[in-house]
Amino acid sequence: MSAYYPDLWKIIKVTGTDPHYRIFGVWHGTYVRGESWRMNSGVVGVSETDNDEYIFEGYTGSTYTCKKSRYGSNTFGYGIMNRMVRESNGTMEILEDMPEDIMNIDWIISK
């Protein structure tokens, strides 16, 4: 099981034959190593910490610990996400605003 701590993050809604939500994370780069991104396998649950964070558990058992105040992306991340949305033929959507009821979302979308 892997644990990830993105600098910025967004929720992606996937529809189609296997509807679900995913976490898209972005990490700032350095002079030696450029920016990077990663998207989880699909959210199956979420919990909150006392440190103003959400911990998202994925299908594969990985976790993404995301600071509430860092919901968003940068130009690099938006470029990747927008390309994925375009190539998805309407089955992916970026949730621009963090849902207010994030703790009550049914992360596994029923068909």
PDB file of N, CA and C in Angstrom:
ATOM      1  N   MET A   1       0.853  -1.179   0.000  1.00  0.00           N
ATOM      2  CA  MET A   1       0.000   0.000   0.000  1.00  0.00           C
ATOM      3  C   MET A   1       0.896   1.239   0.000  1.00  0.00           C
ATOM      4  N   SER A   2       0.580   2.180  -0.849  1.00  0.00           N
ATOM      5  CA  SER A   2       1.362   3.409  -0.982  1.00  0.00           C
ATOM      6  C   SER A   2       0.593   4.584  -0.401  1.00  0.00           C
ATOM      7  N   ALA A   3       1.349   5.525   0.132  1.00  0.00           N
ATOM      8  CA  ALA A   3       0.755   6.744   0.689  1.00  0.00           C
ATOM      9  C   ALA A   3       1.304   7.937  -0.079  1.00  0.00           C
ATOM     10  N   TYR A   4       0.408   8.836  -0.486  1.00  0.00           N
ATOM     11  CA  TYR A   4       0.778  10.007  -1.266  1.00  0.00           C
ATOM     12  C   TYR A   4       0.298  11.266  -0.566  1.00  0.00           C
ATOM     13  N   TYR A   5       1.068  12.336  -0.723  1.00  0.00           N
ATOM     14  CA  TYR A   5       0.794  13.616  -0.078  1.00  0.00           C
ATOM     15  C   TYR A   5       0.934  14.738  -1.123  1.00  0.00           C
ATOM     16  N   PRO A   6      -0.061  14.912  -1.984  1.00  0.00           N
ATOM     17  CA  PRO A   6       0.075  15.909  -3.051  1.00  0.00           C
ATOM     18  C   PRO A   6       0.107  17.343  -2.512  1.00  0.00           C
ATOM     19  N   ASP A   7       0.803  18.200  -3.264  1.00  0.00           N
ATOM     20  CA  ASP A   7       0.840  19.624  -2.923  1.00  0.00           C
ATOM     21  C   ASP A   7      -0.492  20.294  -3.259  1.00  0.00           C
ATOM     22  N   LEU A   8      -1.107  19.873  -4.345  1.00  0.00           N
ATOM     23  CA  LEU A   8      -2.411  20.365  -4.792  1.00  0.00           C
ATOM     24  C   LEU A   8      -3.232  19.165  -5.226  1.00  0.00           C
ATOM     25  N   TRP A   9      -4.555  19.285  -5.181  1.00  0.00           N
ATOM     26  CA  TRP A   9      -5.389  18.137  -5.551  1.00  0.00           C
ATOM     27  C   TRP A   9      -6.753  18.574  -6.044  1.00  0.00           C
ATOM     28  N   LYS A  10      -7.351  17.722  -6.848  1.00  0.00           N
ATOM     29  CA  LYS A  10      -8.696  17.933  -7.380  1.00  0.00           C
ATOM     30  C   LYS A  10      -9.434  16.597  -7.370  1.00  0.00           C
ATOM     31  N   ILE A  11     -10.750  16.668  -7.369  1.00  0.00           N
ATOM     32  CA  ILE A  11     -11.578  15.477  -7.501  1.00  0.00           C
ATOM     33  C   ILE A  11     -12.044  15.409  -8.953  1.00  0.00           C
ATOM     34  N   ILE A  12     -11.893  14.228  -9.545  1.00  0.00           N
ATOM     35  CA  ILE A  12     -12.340  13.967 -10.907  1.00  0.00           C
ATOM     36  C   ILE A  12     -13.518  13.003 -10.832  1.00  0.00           C
ATOM     37  N   LYS A  13     -14.612  13.340 -11.488  1.00  0.00           N
ATOM     38  CA  LYS A  13     -15.776  12.451 -11.561  1.00  0.00           C
ATOM     39  C   LYS A  13     -15.719  11.710 -12.889  1.00  0.00           C
ATOM     40  N   VAL A  14     -15.787  10.386 -12.811  1.00  0.00           N
ATOM     41  CA  VAL A  14     -15.754   9.539 -14.001  1.00  0.00           C
ATOM     42  C   VAL A  14     -17.128   8.899 -14.152  1.00  0.00           C
ATOM     43  N   THR A  15     -17.716   9.036 -15.332  1.00  0.00           N
ATOM     44  CA  THR A  15     -19.015   8.419 -15.604  1.00  0.00           C
ATOM     45  C   THR A  15     -18.797   7.316 -16.633  1.00  0.00           C
ATOM     46  N   GLY A  16     -19.847   6.872 -17.264  1.00  0.00           N
ATOM     47  CA  GLY A  16     -19.711   5.818 -18.262  1.00  0.00           C
ATOM     48  C   GLY A  16     -20.054   4.460 -17.674  1.00  0.00           C
ATOM     49  N   THR A  17     -19.366   3.412 -18.114  1.00  0.00           N
ATOM     50  CA  THR A  17     -19.696   2.049 -17.690  1.00  0.00           C
ATOM     51  C   THR A  17     -19.245   1.731 -16.265  1.00  0.00           C
ATOM     52  N   ASP A  18     -18.300   2.499 -15.717  1.00  0.00           N
ATOM     53  CA  ASP A  18     -17.796   2.268 -14.362  1.00  0.00           C
ATOM     54  C   ASP A  18     -17.712   3.602 -13.617  1.00  0.00           C
ATOM     55  N   PRO A  19     -18.856   4.180 -13.231  1.00  0.00           N
ATOM     56  CA  PRO A  19     -18.835   5.510 -12.617  1.00  0.00           C
ATOM     57  C   PRO A  19     -18.176   5.507 -11.230  1.00  0.00           C
ATOM     58  N   HIS A  20     -17.288   6.480 -11.003  1.00  0.00           N
ATOM     59  CA  HIS A  20     -16.579   6.610  -9.727  1.00  0.00           C
ATOM     60  C   HIS A  20     -15.884   7.973  -9.669  1.00  0.00           C
ATOM     61  N   TYR A  21     -15.266   8.252  -8.535  1.00  0.00           N
ATOM     62  CA  TYR A  21     -14.495   9.479  -8.347  1.00  0.00           C
ATOM     63  C   TYR A  21     -13.026   9.112  -8.177  1.00  0.00           C
ATOM     64  N   ARG A  22     -12.154  10.013  -8.595  1.00  0.00           N
ATOM     65  CA  ARG A  22     -10.714   9.832  -8.438  1.00  0.00           C
ATOM     66  C   ARG A  22     -10.088  11.103  -7.879  1.00  0.00           C
ATOM     67  N   ILE A  23      -8.948  10.947  -7.242  1.00  0.00           N
ATOM     68  CA  ILE A  23      -8.164  12.086  -6.772  1.00  0.00           C
ATOM     69  C   ILE A  23      -7.025  12.306  -7.744  1.00  0.00           C
ATOM     70  N   PHE A  24      -6.894  13.537  -8.219  1.00  0.00           N
ATOM     71  CA  PHE A  24      -5.791  13.932  -9.093  1.00  0.00           C
ATOM     72  C   PHE A  24      -4.860  14.795  -8.260  1.00  0.00           C
ATOM     73  N   GLY A  25      -3.633  14.360  -8.068  1.00  0.00           N
ATOM     74  CA  GLY A  25      -2.670  15.091  -7.247  1.00  0.00           C
ATOM     75  C   GLY A  25      -1.542  15.664  -8.083  1.00  0.00           C
ATOM     76  N   VAL A  26      -1.058  16.837  -7.672  1.00  0.00           N
ATOM     77  CA  VAL A  26       0.067  17.504  -8.322  1.00  0.00           C
ATOM     78  C   VAL A  26       1.132  17.783  -7.271  1.00  0.00           C
ATOM     79  N   TRP A  27       2.385  17.563  -7.656  1.00  0.00           N
ATOM     80  CA  TRP A  27       3.526  17.870  -6.800  1.00  0.00           C
ATOM     81  C   TRP A  27       4.367  18.940  -7.489  1.00  0.00           C
ATOM     82  N   HIS A  28       4.755  19.980  -6.729  1.00  0.00           N
ATOM     83  CA  HIS A  28       5.601  21.041  -7.273  1.00  0.00           C
ATOM     84  C   HIS A  28       6.968  20.462  -7.607  1.00  0.00           C
ATOM     85  N   GLY A  29       7.575  21.011  -8.611  1.00  0.00           N
ATOM     86  CA  GLY A  29       8.889  20.547  -9.012  1.00  0.00           C
ATOM     87  C   GLY A  29      10.009  21.330  -8.353  1.00  0.00           C
ATOM     88  N   THR A  30      11.206  20.894  -8.632  1.00  0.00           N
ATOM     89  CA  THR A  30      12.413  21.578  -8.181  1.00  0.00           C
ATOM     90  C   THR A  30      13.280  21.838  -9.407  1.00  0.00           C
ATOM     91  N   TYR A  31      14.403  22.431  -9.205  1.00  0.00           N
ATOM     92  CA  TYR A  31      15.325  22.687 -10.303  1.00  0.00           C
ATOM     93  C   TYR A  31      15.762  21.376 -10.948  1.00  0.00           C
ATOM     94  N   VAL A  32      16.012  20.368 -10.126  1.00  0.00           N
ATOM     95  CA  VAL A  32      16.512  19.085 -10.620  1.00  0.00           C
ATOM     96  C   VAL A  32      15.381  18.194 -11.132  1.00  0.00           C
ATOM     97  N   ARG A  33      14.259  18.235 -10.455  1.00  0.00           N
ATOM     98  CA  ARG A  33      13.143  17.348 -10.814  1.00  0.00           C
ATOM     99  C   ARG A  33      11.910  18.195 -11.085  1.00  0.00           C
ATOM    100  N   GLY A  34      11.284  17.988 -12.211  1.00  0.00           N
ATOM    101  CA  GLY A  34      10.138  18.789 -12.615  1.00  0.00           C
ATOM    102  C   GLY A  34       8.871  18.437 -11.859  1.00  0.00           C
ATOM    103  N   GLU A  35       7.821  19.167 -12.166  1.00  0.00           N
ATOM    104  CA  GLU A  35       6.519  18.905 -11.568  1.00  0.00           C
ATOM    105  C   GLU A  35       6.059  17.497 -11.941  1.00  0.00           C
ATOM    106  N   SER A  36       5.205  16.931 -11.103  1.00  0.00           N
ATOM    107  CA  SER A  36       4.676  15.599 -11.395  1.00  0.00           C
ATOM    108  C   SER A  36       3.209  15.538 -10.982  1.00  0.00           C
ATOM    109  N   TRP A  37       2.540  14.505 -11.470  1.00  0.00           N
ATOM    110  CA  TRP A  37       1.130  14.314 -11.159  1.00  0.00           C
ATOM    111  C   TRP A  37       0.867  12.828 -11.015  1.00  0.00           C
ATOM    112  N   ARG A  38      -0.267  12.529 -10.406  1.00  0.00           N
ATOM    113  CA  ARG A  38      -0.685  11.146 -10.219  1.00  0.00           C
ATOM    114  C   ARG A  38      -2.190  11.159  -9.979  1.00  0.00           C
ATOM    115  N   MET A  39      -2.875  10.137 -10.472  1.00  0.00           N
ATOM    116  CA  MET A  39      -4.306  10.017 -10.224  1.00  0.00           C
ATOM    117  C   MET A  39      -4.557   8.648  -9.604  1.00  0.00           C
ATOM    118  N   ASN A  40      -5.365   8.630  -8.544  1.00  0.00           N
ATOM    119  CA  ASN A  40      -5.575   7.358  -7.854  1.00  0.00           C
ATOM    120  C   ASN A  40      -6.504   6.440  -8.634  1.00  0.00           C
ATOM    121  N   SER A  41      -6.646   5.226  -8.125  1.00  0.00           N
ATOM    122  CA  SER A  41      -7.413   4.175  -8.802  1.00  0.00           C
ATOM    123  C   SER A  41      -8.917   4.363  -8.686  1.00  0.00           C
ATOM    124  N   GLY A  42      -9.331   5.218  -7.805  1.00  0.00           N
ATOM    125  CA  GLY A  42     -10.754   5.441  -7.555  1.00  0.00           C
ATOM    126  C   GLY A  42     -10.983   5.453  -6.061  1.00  0.00           C
ATOM    127  N   VAL A  43     -11.724   6.418  -5.574  1.00  0.00           N
ATOM    128  CA  VAL A  43     -11.945   6.586  -4.140  1.00  0.00           C
ATOM    129  C   VAL A  43     -12.992   5.589  -3.642  1.00  0.00           C
ATOM    130  N   VAL A  44     -12.678   4.914  -2.534  1.00  0.00           N
ATOM    131  CA  VAL A  44     -13.658   4.029  -1.893  1.00  0.00           C
ATOM    132  C   VAL A  44     -14.064   4.538  -0.519  1.00  0.00           C
ATOM    133  N   GLY A  45     -13.325   5.516   0.020  1.00  0.00           N
ATOM    134  CA  GLY A  45     -13.677   6.080   1.314  1.00  0.00           C
ATOM    135  C   GLY A  45     -12.833   7.288   1.641  1.00  0.00           C
ATOM    136  N   VAL A  46     -13.295   8.057   2.617  1.00  0.00           N
ATOM    137  CA  VAL A  46     -12.576   9.260   3.037  1.00  0.00           C
ATOM    138  C   VAL A  46     -12.715   9.415   4.544  1.00  0.00           C
ATOM    139  N   SER A  47     -11.673   9.951   5.169  1.00  0.00           N
ATOM    140  CA  SER A  47     -11.710  10.293   6.594  1.00  0.00           C
ATOM    141  C   SER A  47     -11.045  11.658   6.763  1.00  0.00           C
ATOM    142  N   GLU A  48     -11.266  12.265   7.922  1.00  0.00           N
ATOM    143  CA  GLU A  48     -10.673  13.568   8.222  1.00  0.00           C
ATOM    144  C   GLU A  48      -9.640  13.421   9.318  1.00  0.00           C
ATOM    145  N   THR A  49      -8.634  14.285   9.293  1.00  0.00           N
ATOM    146  CA  THR A  49      -7.648  14.310  10.365  1.00  0.00           C
ATOM    147  C   THR A  49      -7.840  15.574  11.194  1.00  0.00           C
ATOM    148  N   ASP A  50      -7.155  15.646  12.314  1.00  0.00           N
ATOM    149  CA  ASP A  50      -7.181  16.854  13.142  1.00  0.00           C
ATOM    150  C   ASP A  50      -6.302  17.955  12.552  1.00  0.00           C
ATOM    151  N   ASN A  51      -5.569  17.631  11.493  1.00  0.00           N
ATOM    152  CA  ASN A  51      -4.650  18.587  10.867  1.00  0.00           C
ATOM    153  C   ASN A  51      -5.245  19.246   9.631  1.00  0.00           C
ATOM    154  N   ASP A  52      -6.584  19.315   9.544  1.00  0.00           N
ATOM    155  CA  ASP A  52      -7.247  19.968   8.423  1.00  0.00           C
ATOM    156  C   ASP A  52      -6.935  19.281   7.094  1.00  0.00           C
ATOM    157  N   GLU A  53      -6.991  17.937   7.123  1.00  0.00           N
ATOM    158  CA  GLU A  53      -6.704  17.132   5.942  1.00  0.00           C
ATOM    159  C   GLU A  53      -7.797  16.081   5.745  1.00  0.00           C
ATOM    160  N   TYR A  54      -7.900  15.630   4.491  1.00  0.00           N
ATOM    161  CA  TYR A  54      -8.707  14.461   4.165  1.00  0.00           C
ATOM    162  C   TYR A  54      -7.760  13.339   3.780  1.00  0.00           C
ATOM    163  N   ILE A  55      -8.120  12.133   4.147  1.00  0.00           N
ATOM    164  CA  ILE A  55      -7.374  10.962   3.699  1.00  0.00           C
ATOM    165  C   ILE A  55      -8.319  10.143   2.832  1.00  0.00           C
ATOM    166  N   PHE A  56      -7.982  10.040   1.551  1.00  0.00           N
ATOM    167  CA  PHE A  56      -8.784   9.292   0.587  1.00  0.00           C
ATOM    168  C   PHE A  56      -8.172   7.912   0.404  1.00  0.00           C
ATOM    169  N   GLU A  57      -8.999   6.890   0.525  1.00  0.00           N
ATOM    170  CA  GLU A  57      -8.546   5.525   0.296  1.00  0.00           C
ATOM    171  C   GLU A  57      -8.970   5.109  -1.104  1.00  0.00           C
ATOM    172  N   GLY A  58      -8.036   4.494  -1.843  1.00  0.00           N
ATOM    173  CA  GLY A  58      -8.314   4.075  -3.208  1.00  0.00           C
ATOM    174  C   GLY A  58      -8.619   2.591  -3.304  1.00  0.00           C
ATOM    175  N   TYR A  59      -9.133   2.175  -4.472  1.00  0.00           N
ATOM    176  CA  TYR A  59      -9.451   0.768  -4.738  1.00  0.00           C
ATOM    177  C   TYR A  59      -8.270  -0.148  -4.437  1.00  0.00           C
ATOM    178  N   THR A  60      -7.070   0.295  -4.780  1.00  0.00           N
ATOM    179  CA  THR A  60      -5.890  -0.557  -4.625  1.00  0.00           C
ATOM    180  C   THR A  60      -5.290  -0.510  -3.229  1.00  0.00           C
ATOM    181  N   GLY A  61      -5.894   0.278  -2.327  1.00  0.00           N
ATOM    182  CA  GLY A  61      -5.398   0.372  -0.959  1.00  0.00           C
ATOM    183  C   GLY A  61      -4.481   1.552  -0.716  1.00  0.00           C
ATOM    184  N   SER A  62      -4.120   2.290  -1.765  1.00  0.00           N
ATOM    185  CA  SER A  62      -3.274   3.471  -1.568  1.00  0.00           C
ATOM    186  C   SER A  62      -4.081   4.569  -0.891  1.00  0.00           C
ATOM    187  N   THR A  63      -3.384   5.497  -0.266  1.00  0.00           N
ATOM    188  CA  THR A  63      -4.046   6.634   0.367  1.00  0.00           C
ATOM    189  C   THR A  63      -3.456   7.935  -0.174  1.00  0.00           C
ATOM    190  N   TYR A  64      -4.317   8.938  -0.264  1.00  0.00           N
ATOM    191  CA  TYR A  64      -3.916  10.289  -0.627  1.00  0.00           C
ATOM    192  C   TYR A  64      -4.316  11.185   0.526  1.00  0.00           C
ATOM    193  N   THR A  65      -3.332  11.769   1.200  1.00  0.00           N
ATOM    194  CA  THR A  65      -3.590  12.709   2.280  1.00  0.00           C
ATOM    195  C   THR A  65      -3.531  14.108   1.687  1.00  0.00           C
ATOM    196  N   CYS A  66      -4.667  14.804   1.709  1.00  0.00           N
ATOM    197  CA  CYS A  66      -4.813  16.075   1.007  1.00  0.00           C
ATOM    198  C   CYS A  66      -5.234  17.183   1.968  1.00  0.00           C
ATOM    199  N   LYS A  67      -4.461  18.250   1.985  1.00  0.00           N
ATOM    200  CA  LYS A  67      -4.818  19.400   2.815  1.00  0.00           C
ATOM    201  C   LYS A  67      -6.065  20.080   2.243  1.00  0.00           C
ATOM    202  N   LYS A  68      -7.004  20.374   3.120  1.00  0.00           N
ATOM    203  CA  LYS A  68      -8.260  21.009   2.688  1.00  0.00           C
ATOM    204  C   LYS A  68      -7.993  22.330   1.977  1.00  0.00           C
ATOM    205  N   SER A  69      -7.025  23.077   2.462  1.00  0.00           N
ATOM    206  CA  SER A  69      -6.735  24.398   1.907  1.00  0.00           C
ATOM    207  C   SER A  69      -6.004  24.346   0.572  1.00  0.00           C
ATOM    208  N   ARG A  70      -5.615  23.161   0.126  1.00  0.00           N
ATOM    209  CA  ARG A  70      -4.840  23.030  -1.109  1.00  0.00           C
ATOM    210  C   ARG A  70      -5.656  22.429  -2.252  1.00  0.00           C
ATOM    211  N   TYR A  71      -7.002  22.525  -2.165  1.00  0.00           N
ATOM    212  CA  TYR A  71      -7.851  22.036  -3.249  1.00  0.00           C
ATOM    213  C   TYR A  71      -7.662  22.962  -4.436  1.00  0.00           C
ATOM    214  N   GLY A  72      -7.142  22.440  -5.511  1.00  0.00           N
ATOM    215  CA  GLY A  72      -6.885  23.237  -6.696  1.00  0.00           C
ATOM    216  C   GLY A  72      -5.776  22.606  -7.503  1.00  0.00           C
ATOM    217  N   SER A  73      -5.286  23.334  -8.453  1.00  0.00           N
ATOM    218  CA  SER A  73      -4.198  22.849  -9.284  1.00  0.00           C
ATOM    219  C   SER A  73      -3.413  24.037  -9.796  1.00  0.00           C
ATOM    220  N   ASN A  74      -2.389  23.726 -10.574  1.00  0.00           N
ATOM    221  CA  ASN A  74      -1.605  24.762 -11.216  1.00  0.00           C
ATOM    222  C   ASN A  74      -1.716  24.576 -12.723  1.00  0.00           C
ATOM    223  N   THR A  75      -1.033  25.392 -13.491  1.00  0.00           N
ATOM    224  CA  THR A  75      -1.120  25.320 -14.946  1.00  0.00           C
ATOM    225  C   THR A  75      -0.733  23.932 -15.451  1.00  0.00           C
ATOM    226  N   PHE A  76       0.318  23.369 -14.895  1.00  0.00           N
ATOM    227  CA  PHE A  76       0.765  22.031 -15.282  1.00  0.00           C
ATOM    228  C   PHE A  76      -0.354  21.006 -15.070  1.00  0.00           C
ATOM    229  N   GLY A  77      -0.932  20.985 -13.873  1.00  0.00           N
ATOM    230  CA  GLY A  77      -1.980  20.022 -13.548  1.00  0.00           C
ATOM    231  C   GLY A  77      -3.231  20.214 -14.384  1.00  0.00           C
ATOM    232  N   TYR A  78      -3.650  21.478 -14.567  1.00  0.00           N
ATOM    233  CA  TYR A  78      -4.837  21.740 -15.385  1.00  0.00           C
ATOM    234  C   TYR A  78      -4.609  21.301 -16.829  1.00  0.00           C
ATOM    235  N   GLY A  79      -3.392  21.463 -17.330  1.00  0.00           N
ATOM    236  CA  GLY A  79      -3.090  21.011 -18.679  1.00  0.00           C
ATOM    237  C   GLY A  79      -3.304  19.512 -18.832  1.00  0.00           C
ATOM    238  N   ILE A  80      -2.819  18.736 -17.873  1.00  0.00           N
ATOM    239  CA  ILE A  80      -2.989  17.277 -17.885  1.00  0.00           C
ATOM    240  C   ILE A  80      -4.471  16.915 -17.747  1.00  0.00           C
ATOM    241  N   MET A  81      -5.139  17.496 -16.738  1.00  0.00           N
ATOM    242  CA  MET A  81      -6.552  17.168 -16.513  1.00  0.00           C
ATOM    243  C   MET A  81      -7.418  17.535 -17.713  1.00  0.00           C
ATOM    244  N   ASN A  82      -7.212  18.722 -18.277  1.00  0.00           N
ATOM    245  CA  ASN A  82      -8.029  19.149 -19.417  1.00  0.00           C
ATOM    246  C   ASN A  82      -7.821  18.231 -20.622  1.00  0.00           C
ATOM    247  N   ARG A  83      -6.598  17.769 -20.827  1.00  0.00           N
ATOM    248  CA  ARG A  83      -6.353  16.819 -21.916  1.00  0.00           C
ATOM    249  C   ARG A  83      -7.101  15.514 -21.662  1.00  0.00           C
ATOM    250  N   MET A  84      -7.057  15.012 -20.420  1.00  0.00           N
ATOM    251  CA  MET A  84      -7.757  13.773 -20.093  1.00  0.00           C
ATOM    252  C   MET A  84      -9.261  13.932 -20.289  1.00  0.00           C
ATOM    253  N   VAL A  85      -9.811  15.079 -19.879  1.00  0.00           N
ATOM    254  CA  VAL A  85     -11.245  15.336 -20.049  1.00  0.00           C
ATOM    255  C   VAL A  85     -11.606  15.351 -21.535  1.00  0.00           C
ATOM    256  N   ARG A  86     -10.804  16.050 -22.342  1.00  0.00           N
ATOM    257  CA  ARG A  86     -11.060  16.093 -23.791  1.00  0.00           C
ATOM    258  C   ARG A  86     -11.030  14.690 -24.401  1.00  0.00           C
ATOM    259  N   GLU A  87     -10.054  13.888 -24.002  1.00  0.00           N
ATOM    260  CA  GLU A  87      -9.882  12.544 -24.575  1.00  0.00           C
ATOM    261  C   GLU A  87     -10.870  11.524 -24.015  1.00  0.00           C
ATOM    262  N   SER A  88     -11.614  11.884 -22.975  1.00  0.00           N
ATOM    263  CA  SER A  88     -12.540  10.941 -22.342  1.00  0.00           C
ATOM    264  C   SER A  88     -13.887  10.852 -23.066  1.00  0.00           C
ATOM    265  N   ASN A  89     -14.086  11.681 -24.056  1.00  0.00           N
ATOM    266  CA  ASN A  89     -15.370  11.707 -24.786  1.00  0.00           C
ATOM    267  C   ASN A  89     -16.556  11.920 -23.855  1.00  0.00           C
ATOM    268  N   GLY A  90     -16.404  12.838 -22.921  1.00  0.00           N
ATOM    269  CA  GLY A  90     -17.511  13.209 -22.045  1.00  0.00           C
ATOM    270  C   GLY A  90     -17.690  12.342 -20.814  1.00  0.00           C
ATOM    271  N   THR A  91     -16.750  11.453 -20.515  1.00  0.00           N
ATOM    272  CA  THR A  91     -16.910  10.583 -19.338  1.00  0.00           C
ATOM    273  C   THR A  91     -16.097  11.044 -18.131  1.00  0.00           C
ATOM    274  N   MET A  92     -15.398  12.162 -18.236  1.00  0.00           N
ATOM    275  CA  MET A  92     -14.648  12.703 -17.099  1.00  0.00           C
ATOM    276  C   MET A  92     -15.016  14.156 -16.890  1.00  0.00           C
ATOM    277  N   GLU A  93     -15.065  14.553 -15.627  1.00  0.00           N
ATOM    278  CA  GLU A  93     -15.400  15.934 -15.268  1.00  0.00           C
ATOM    279  C   GLU A  93     -14.549  16.340 -14.076  1.00  0.00           C
ATOM    280  N   ILE A  94     -13.951  17.526 -14.139  1.00  0.00           N
ATOM    281  CA  ILE A  94     -13.179  18.072 -13.022  1.00  0.00           C
ATOM    282  C   ILE A  94     -14.156  18.795 -12.102  1.00  0.00           C
ATOM    283  N   LEU A  95     -14.184  18.457 -10.828  1.00  0.00           N
ATOM    284  CA  LEU A  95     -15.022  19.198  -9.874  1.00  0.00           C
ATOM    285  C   LEU A  95     -14.251  20.450  -9.475  1.00  0.00           C
ATOM    286  N   GLU A  96     -14.629  21.573 -10.055  1.00  0.00           N
ATOM    287  CA  GLU A  96     -13.889  22.814  -9.838  1.00  0.00           C
ATOM    288  C   GLU A  96     -13.890  23.248  -8.378  1.00  0.00           C
ATOM    289  N   ASP A  97     -15.018  23.092  -7.705  1.00  0.00           N
ATOM    290  CA  ASP A  97     -15.109  23.461  -6.294  1.00  0.00           C
ATOM    291  C   ASP A  97     -15.132  22.197  -5.446  1.00  0.00           C
ATOM    292  N   MET A  98     -14.492  22.262  -4.294  1.00  0.00           N
ATOM    293  CA  MET A  98     -14.528  21.129  -3.388  1.00  0.00           C
ATOM    294  C   MET A  98     -15.950  20.983  -2.856  1.00  0.00           C
ATOM    295  N   PRO A  99     -16.539  19.795  -2.959  1.00  0.00           N
ATOM    296  CA  PRO A  99     -17.906  19.608  -2.468  1.00  0.00           C
ATOM    297  C   PRO A  99     -18.013  19.894  -0.967  1.00  0.00           C
ATOM    298  N   GLU A 100     -19.061  20.625  -0.579  1.00  0.00           N
ATOM    299  CA  GLU A 100     -19.267  20.937   0.837  1.00  0.00           C
ATOM    300  C   GLU A 100     -19.595  19.694   1.646  1.00  0.00           C
ATOM    301  N   ASP A 101     -20.227  18.720   1.004  1.00  0.00           N
ATOM    302  CA  ASP A 101     -20.640  17.489   1.694  1.00  0.00           C
ATOM    303  C   ASP A 101     -19.667  16.335   1.432  1.00  0.00           C
ATOM    304  N   ILE A 102     -18.388  16.655   1.348  1.00  0.00           N
ATOM    305  CA  ILE A 102     -17.375  15.677   0.956  1.00  0.00           C
ATOM    306  C   ILE A 102     -17.377  14.422   1.840  1.00  0.00           C
ATOM    307  N   MET A 103     -17.737  14.568   3.097  1.00  0.00           N
ATOM    308  CA  MET A 103     -17.744  13.413   4.005  1.00  0.00           C
ATOM    309  C   MET A 103     -18.974  12.528   3.792  1.00  0.00           C
ATOM    310  N   ASN A 104     -19.955  13.002   3.033  1.00  0.00           N
ATOM    311  CA  ASN A 104     -21.183  12.250   2.812  1.00  0.00           C
ATOM    312  C   ASN A 104     -21.368  11.767   1.373  1.00  0.00           C
ATOM    313  N   ILE A 105     -20.348  11.928   0.560  1.00  0.00           N
ATOM    314  CA  ILE A 105     -20.449  11.503  -0.841  1.00  0.00           C
ATOM    315  C   ILE A 105     -20.424   9.979  -0.908  1.00  0.00           C
ATOM    316  N   ASP A 106     -21.271   9.417  -1.755  1.00  0.00           N
ATOM    317  CA  ASP A 106     -21.196   7.982  -2.049  1.00  0.00           C
ATOM    318  C   ASP A 106     -20.111   7.848  -3.107  1.00  0.00           C
ATOM    319  N   TRP A 107     -18.908   7.528  -2.686  1.00  0.00           N
ATOM    320  CA  TRP A 107     -17.739   7.541  -3.570  1.00  0.00           C
ATOM    321  C   TRP A 107     -17.827   6.509  -4.687  1.00  0.00           C
ATOM    322  N   ILE A 108     -18.547   5.430  -4.453  1.00  0.00           N
ATOM    323  CA  ILE A 108     -18.742   4.441  -5.497  1.00  0.00           C
ATOM    324  C   ILE A 108     -20.112   4.727  -6.095  1.00  0.00           C
ATOM    325  N   ILE A 109     -20.133   5.325  -7.251  1.00  0.00           N
ATOM    326  CA  ILE A 109     -21.363   5.799  -7.871  1.00  0.00           C
ATOM    327  C   ILE A 109     -22.177   4.600  -8.376  1.00  0.00           C
ATOM    328  N   SER A 110     -23.431   4.550  -7.994  1.00  0.00           N
ATOM    329  CA  SER A 110     -24.322   3.500  -8.507  1.00  0.00           C
ATOM    330  C   SER A 110     -24.740   3.859  -9.913  1.00  0.00           C
ATOM    331  N   LYS A 111     -24.911   2.831 -10.728  1.00  0.00           N
ATOM    332  CA  LYS A 111     -25.297   3.064 -12.134  1.00  0.00           C
ATOM    333  C   LYS A 111     -26.775   3.370 -12.231  1.00  0.00           C
TER     334      LYS A 111
END
